[in-house]
Protein backbone atom coordinates (compact mmCIF):
# COMPACT_ATOMS: atom_id res chain seq x y z
CA MET A 1 16.99 38.81 -1.53
CA TYR A 2 13.31 39.29 -1.75
CA GLN A 3 11.23 36.04 -1.30
CA ASP A 4 7.65 35.98 -2.42
CA ASN A 5 5.78 34.10 0.43
CA ARG A 6 2.80 33.60 -1.74
CA LEU A 7 4.76 30.98 -3.76
CA PRO A 8 3.96 27.47 -3.15
CA ARG A 9 6.44 25.93 -0.59
CA LEU A 10 7.81 23.56 -3.19
CA LEU A 11 8.99 26.42 -5.34
CA ARG A 12 10.96 28.06 -2.59
CA SER A 13 14.55 27.63 -1.56
CA PRO A 14 15.63 24.02 -0.91
CA GLU A 15 16.36 25.08 2.59
CA THR A 16 12.70 25.11 3.29
CA ASN A 17 12.08 23.23 6.48
CA SER A 18 10.28 20.02 5.57
CA SER A 19 10.95 18.30 8.84
CA GLU A 20 7.19 18.50 9.90
CA VAL A 21 5.82 17.60 6.53
CA GLY A 22 5.45 14.00 5.27
CA PRO A 23 2.87 11.13 5.40
CA ASN A 24 0.40 10.98 8.18
CA PHE A 25 -0.09 7.32 7.76
CA PHE A 26 1.52 4.26 5.96
CA CYS A 27 -0.39 1.25 4.78
CA ILE A 28 2.11 -1.51 4.41
CA GLY A 29 0.06 -4.18 2.55
CA PRO A 30 0.60 -6.86 1.96
CA GLY A 31 -0.54 -7.09 -1.68
CA ASN A 32 -3.97 -8.62 -2.47
CA SER A 33 -5.18 -7.64 0.96
CA GLY A 34 -7.51 -4.67 0.06
CA THR A 35 -4.76 -1.98 -0.42
CA THR A 36 -6.44 -1.00 -3.86
CA TRP A 37 -9.93 -0.75 -2.15
CA ILE A 38 -8.42 1.44 0.56
CA ALA A 39 -6.74 3.79 -1.87
CA ASP A 40 -9.89 4.05 -4.03
CA HIS A 41 -12.19 5.04 -1.24
CA LEU A 42 -9.68 7.49 0.51
CA LYS A 43 -9.48 9.44 -2.65
CA LEU A 44 -13.12 10.27 -2.13
CA GLN A 45 -12.41 11.92 1.13
CA ARG A 46 -12.42 15.69 1.14
CA ASP A 47 -10.06 15.63 4.04
CA VAL A 48 -7.60 13.25 2.45
CA TRP A 49 -5.06 13.83 -0.29
CA LEU A 50 -3.12 10.90 -2.00
CA THR A 51 -0.07 11.14 -4.44
CA PRO A 52 -0.54 10.67 -8.21
CA ILE A 53 1.63 7.67 -8.10
CA GLN A 54 -0.45 5.33 -6.00
CA GLU A 55 2.30 2.92 -4.79
CA LEU A 56 5.35 5.23 -4.10
CA GLY A 57 7.64 2.26 -2.93
CA TYR A 58 10.38 4.68 -1.78
CA LEU A 59 11.03 2.75 1.44
CA ASN A 60 11.58 -0.53 -0.45
CA ALA A 61 12.78 0.48 -3.91
CA GLY A 62 13.91 4.12 -3.85
CA PHE A 63 13.09 6.64 -6.57
CA GLU A 64 16.13 6.53 -8.98
CA ARG A 65 14.13 4.08 -10.95
CA TYR A 66 11.82 6.87 -11.98
CA ARG A 67 14.76 9.16 -13.40
CA GLY A 68 13.67 10.26 -16.92
CA SER A 69 10.47 8.35 -16.72
CA SER A 70 7.11 9.48 -18.17
CA ASP A 71 5.53 8.45 -14.85
CA LEU A 72 6.76 11.86 -13.51
CA GLN A 73 4.98 13.81 -15.98
CA MET A 74 1.49 15.04 -16.17
CA HIS A 75 -0.76 12.86 -18.50
CA TRP A 76 -3.87 14.19 -20.34
CA ASP A 77 -5.85 10.90 -21.26
CA TRP A 78 -9.40 10.94 -20.06
CA TRP A 79 -8.56 8.33 -17.31
CA SER A 80 -5.60 10.37 -15.92
CA VAL A 81 -7.75 13.58 -16.00
CA THR A 82 -10.76 11.80 -14.26
CA LYS A 83 -8.35 10.55 -11.43
CA ARG A 84 -6.83 13.75 -11.13
CA ILE A 85 -10.25 15.56 -10.58
CA VAL A 86 -11.16 12.86 -7.97
CA ARG A 87 -7.81 12.93 -6.22
CA ASN A 88 -7.73 16.70 -6.00
CA LYS A 89 -11.37 17.19 -5.48
CA GLY A 90 -11.52 19.62 -8.32
CA LEU A 91 -9.92 21.06 -11.51
CA SER A 92 -6.79 22.53 -9.89
CA LEU A 93 -3.52 21.30 -11.38
CA THR A 94 -1.33 22.79 -8.82
CA PRO A 95 -1.10 19.66 -6.32
CA ASP A 96 0.05 17.44 -9.27
CA ARG A 97 2.42 19.99 -10.60
CA GLN A 98 3.92 20.27 -7.04
CA PHE A 99 4.11 16.54 -6.62
CA PHE A 100 5.76 15.81 -9.93
CA ALA A 101 8.30 18.76 -9.37
CA ALA A 102 9.31 17.09 -5.97
CA ALA A 103 9.24 13.63 -7.46
CA ARG A 104 11.54 14.59 -10.27
CA ASP A 105 13.83 16.20 -7.64
CA LEU A 106 13.80 13.00 -5.49
CA ALA A 107 14.66 10.80 -8.57
CA SER A 108 17.58 12.93 -9.44
CA VAL A 109 19.64 11.92 -6.36
CA PRO A 110 21.03 8.64 -5.33
CA ASP A 111 18.74 6.41 -3.19
CA ASN A 112 21.49 5.42 -0.80
CA PRO A 113 21.43 6.93 1.81
CA PRO A 114 17.67 7.72 1.70
CA ASP A 115 16.81 11.53 1.32
CA LEU A 116 14.01 11.85 3.77
CA ARG A 117 13.82 15.64 3.36
CA ARG A 118 13.02 15.14 -0.41
CA TYR A 119 10.71 12.13 0.36
CA ARG A 120 8.73 14.33 2.69
CA ARG A 121 8.17 17.00 -0.03
CA LEU A 122 6.19 14.58 -2.05
CA PHE A 123 3.41 15.15 0.40
CA GLU A 124 3.50 18.90 0.65
CA PRO A 125 0.69 19.20 -1.91
CA ALA A 126 -1.76 17.89 0.81
CA ALA A 127 -1.64 21.28 2.06
CA GLY A 128 -3.05 20.42 5.56
CA ARG A 129 -5.09 17.54 4.47
CA ILE A 130 -4.45 13.94 5.73
CA THR A 131 -1.98 12.15 3.41
CA GLY A 132 -0.15 8.71 3.36
CA ASP A 133 1.80 6.14 1.57
CA ILE A 134 -0.05 3.01 0.48
CA THR A 135 2.59 0.51 -0.81
CA PRO A 136 1.93 -3.21 -0.40
CA ASN A 137 5.59 -4.11 -0.90
CA TYR A 138 6.43 -2.41 2.35
CA ALA A 139 5.38 -5.73 3.80
CA ASP A 140 8.63 -7.17 2.51
CA LEU A 141 10.93 -4.87 4.29
CA ASP A 142 13.52 -6.18 6.85
CA VAL A 143 13.73 -4.71 10.38
CA SER A 144 16.93 -2.83 9.56
CA ARG A 145 15.33 -1.10 6.61
CA ILE A 146 12.31 -0.29 8.69
CA GLN A 147 14.49 1.27 11.36
CA GLN A 148 16.39 3.26 8.63
CA PHE A 149 13.17 5.26 8.02
CA ALA A 150 12.21 5.77 11.67
CA PRO A 151 12.16 9.56 11.34
CA VAL A 152 9.22 9.33 8.84
CA LEU A 153 7.50 6.27 10.46
CA GLU A 154 7.68 7.47 14.14
CA LYS A 155 5.30 10.34 13.36
CA ALA A 156 2.89 8.32 11.22
CA LYS A 157 0.01 5.92 11.81
CA VAL A 158 1.05 2.49 10.45
CA PHE A 159 -1.58 -0.16 9.49
CA MET A 160 -2.00 -3.29 7.51
CA ILE A 161 -4.89 -5.74 6.58
CA ALA A 162 -4.27 -9.36 7.52
CA ARG A 163 -5.70 -11.81 5.20
CA ASP A 164 -5.69 -15.83 5.32
CA PRO A 165 -2.29 -16.33 3.82
CA VAL A 166 -3.52 -19.20 1.59
CA GLU A 167 -6.35 -17.07 0.03
CA ARG A 168 -4.17 -14.24 -0.33
CA PHE A 169 -1.64 -16.35 -2.19
CA TRP A 170 -4.12 -17.73 -4.55
CA SER A 171 -5.53 -14.18 -5.16
CA ALA A 172 -2.00 -12.96 -5.90
CA LEU A 173 -1.38 -15.87 -8.34
CA SER A 174 -4.51 -15.03 -10.18
CA MET A 175 -3.43 -11.53 -10.56
CA PHE A 176 0.04 -12.51 -11.81
CA TRP A 177 -1.83 -14.81 -14.35
CA ARG A 178 -4.11 -12.03 -15.58
CA ASP A 179 -1.21 -9.62 -15.95
CA ARG A 180 1.28 -12.17 -17.14
CA VAL A 181 3.79 -10.94 -14.58
CA TYR A 182 6.03 -13.98 -15.04
CA GLY A 183 5.32 -14.31 -18.87
CA GLU A 184 3.66 -17.10 -20.52
CA GLY A 185 3.25 -20.56 -18.83
CA ASP A 186 0.93 -22.75 -16.90
CA TYR A 187 0.29 -20.71 -13.82
CA GLY A 188 -1.91 -23.30 -12.24
CA SER A 189 0.61 -26.27 -12.45
CA LEU A 190 2.56 -27.41 -9.30
CA ASP A 191 5.95 -26.20 -10.64
CA PHE A 192 4.79 -22.76 -11.47
CA VAL A 193 3.17 -22.42 -8.07
CA LYS A 194 6.33 -23.58 -6.28
CA MET A 195 8.31 -20.83 -8.36
CA VAL A 196 5.83 -18.13 -7.52
CA LEU A 197 5.78 -18.98 -3.83
CA GLU A 198 9.56 -18.97 -3.64
CA HIS A 199 9.64 -15.57 -5.31
CA GLN A 200 6.82 -14.12 -3.10
CA ALA A 201 7.85 -15.54 0.13
CA LYS A 202 8.23 -12.29 2.09
CA GLN A 203 4.55 -11.20 0.93
CA SER A 204 3.22 -14.79 1.64
CA PHE A 205 4.03 -15.46 5.29
CA LEU A 206 1.79 -13.00 7.32
CA SER A 207 3.07 -13.73 10.72
CA ARG A 208 6.65 -12.89 9.54
CA ILE A 209 5.45 -9.65 8.25
CA VAL A 210 3.81 -8.77 11.42
CA THR A 211 6.91 -9.88 13.47
CA ARG A 212 9.33 -7.73 11.40
CA TRP A 213 7.19 -4.63 11.59
CA GLN A 214 6.56 -4.89 15.27
CA SER A 215 10.42 -5.34 15.82
CA GLY A 216 11.02 -2.28 13.56
CA ILE A 217 8.52 0.15 14.97
CA GLY A 218 7.12 -1.22 18.21
CA THR A 219 4.49 -3.78 18.97
CA ASP A 220 1.88 -1.07 19.91
CA ARG A 221 2.52 0.88 16.69
CA LEU A 222 1.14 -1.51 14.03
CA LYS A 223 -2.65 -1.42 13.61
CA ILE A 224 -3.89 -4.80 12.20
CA LEU A 225 -7.21 -4.88 10.52
CA MET A 226 -8.88 -8.25 9.30
CA PHE A 227 -9.60 -8.85 5.67
CA ASP A 228 -12.51 -10.97 6.72
CA ASP A 229 -13.95 -8.18 8.58
CA LEU A 230 -13.54 -6.00 5.45
CA ALA A 231 -15.36 -8.59 3.34
CA ALA A 232 -18.21 -9.01 5.84
CA SER A 233 -18.66 -5.27 6.61
CA PRO A 234 -16.83 -2.95 4.39
CA GLU A 235 -18.31 0.19 5.65
CA GLN A 236 -17.35 -0.59 9.32
CA THR A 237 -13.74 -1.37 8.26
CA TYR A 238 -13.63 1.75 6.21
CA ARG A 239 -14.88 3.76 9.21
CA ASP A 240 -12.32 2.02 11.46
CA ILE A 241 -9.53 3.07 9.05
CA LEU A 242 -10.71 6.71 8.95
CA ARG A 243 -10.88 6.83 12.68
CA TYR A 244 -7.27 5.41 12.95
CA ILE A 245 -5.83 8.02 10.48
CA GLY A 246 -7.80 10.83 11.92
CA ALA A 247 -10.14 11.43 8.76
CA ASP A 248 -13.82 12.13 9.01
CA TYR A 249 -16.40 9.84 7.42
CA ARG A 250 -18.81 12.76 7.07
CA LYS A 251 -16.31 14.29 4.58
CA ARG A 252 -16.71 11.39 2.17
CA ILE A 253 -17.88 12.22 -1.42
CA PRO A 254 -20.81 9.79 -1.61
CA ILE A 255 -20.21 8.61 -5.26
CA VAL A 256 -20.09 4.96 -4.39
CA SER A 257 -20.64 2.81 -1.33
CA PRO A 258 -17.70 1.58 0.68
CA ALA A 259 -18.91 -1.87 -0.39
CA TYR A 260 -17.71 -1.17 -4.00
CA ASN A 261 -14.75 -2.94 -4.97
CA ARG A 262 -13.56 -2.54 -8.67
CA LYS A 263 -11.62 -5.74 -8.67
CA ALA A 264 -14.61 -7.76 -7.72
CA GLY A 265 -15.44 -10.28 -10.47
CA SER A 266 -11.86 -10.47 -11.87
CA LYS A 267 -11.14 -13.79 -13.45
CA LYS A 268 -9.68 -16.49 -11.15
CA LEU A 269 -6.98 -18.90 -12.23
CA HIS A 270 -7.85 -22.56 -12.41
CA VAL A 271 -5.18 -24.38 -10.29
CA SER A 272 -4.42 -28.15 -10.39
CA PRO A 273 -5.53 -30.22 -7.46
CA GLU A 274 -2.02 -31.23 -6.63
CA ALA A 275 -0.94 -27.58 -6.59
CA ARG A 276 -3.80 -26.77 -4.13
CA ALA A 277 -2.84 -29.70 -1.88
CA TRP A 278 0.93 -28.68 -1.94
CA VAL A 279 0.21 -25.08 -0.98
CA SER A 280 -2.17 -26.06 1.81
CA GLU A 281 0.56 -28.32 3.15
CA LYS A 282 3.18 -25.70 2.75
CA PHE A 283 1.27 -23.26 4.75
CA GLN A 284 0.47 -25.40 7.77
CA THR A 285 3.29 -23.98 9.93
CA GLU A 286 2.26 -20.48 8.87
CA LEU A 287 -1.23 -21.20 9.67
CA HIS A 288 -0.57 -22.45 13.06
CA ALA A 289 1.61 -19.38 13.82
CA CYS A 290 -1.42 -17.24 12.67
CA ALA A 291 -3.70 -19.00 14.91
CA GLU A 292 -1.27 -18.21 17.80
CA MET A 293 -0.80 -14.56 16.72
CA PHE A 294 -4.44 -13.66 15.78
CA GLY A 295 -6.43 -15.95 18.05
CA ALA A 296 -10.00 -16.77 16.95
CA GLN A 297 -9.47 -15.29 13.34
CA GLY A 298 -6.12 -17.33 12.77
CA LYS A 299 -7.99 -20.51 13.96
CA VAL A 300 -10.66 -19.96 11.48
CA TRP A 301 -7.92 -19.85 8.74
CA LEU A 302 -6.34 -22.94 10.16
CA GLN A 303 -9.65 -24.90 10.06
CA ARG A 304 -10.40 -23.66 6.63
CA HIS A 305 -7.24 -25.38 5.28
CA ARG A 306 -6.94 -28.28 7.65
CA LEU A 307 -5.34 -31.30 6.08
CA CYS A 308 -7.47 -34.32 5.97
């Protein structure tokens, strides 16, 4: 049967070989460690294409949850259109149409076992540009789950940003409070803080995240950048990320400076003194582990939260 090779690959036969297609990089989080800043600025790279769904979450949550969801449809409000133009570097609708067709296809099949061929097809619209999966919740993954995705991870760059675990927790709690993630309540109280930390344990203990991922992909495969360096010198950190994933700073669209952070100035939650003291004590073992794992930077965190 005649096949028109001018058609986008996504519209061809399902037998199309997608083994070489897929994310060039993974940013595994954890949350509240600069992942939104990374995504915002990578969208301004002419040599980078990111998916319309910013946090795909396929490795930790699958895609069945999207079945029949409006999240897999094109939207035409001004903000969606603006993001589309920035992400696709122009007015073309083709990349988004291709992505959503692949996403609906992926959502139509069971998550278990993972369908890596269909997952890879989410990235075909990149059409040769660098592309990746930025999902903070990948920090939660157990070693066995990481190893399950070895076929897509082994060919990609994997990196994370390490942040003072106590400061990261307070930042996350403030975000939960602003978004009312856990409903109404006194988010700054000791009981509420205890509940959130128990629920967010896998995101909260940085040394364990690093250990799990290094065990899953190899010690030398995980690139670790420091949040403190990002805060002090965002342009240099951004250049380091581009160099690692193979992108070119000269191909940046200079709309805003790398120092721009759209979350800066977000309201911070007032936390009770007893809750702050409890968290500092609760993280002492973790802070010592970070001091051993990260050297001088970890020792700064330990000193910052030293108990009197």
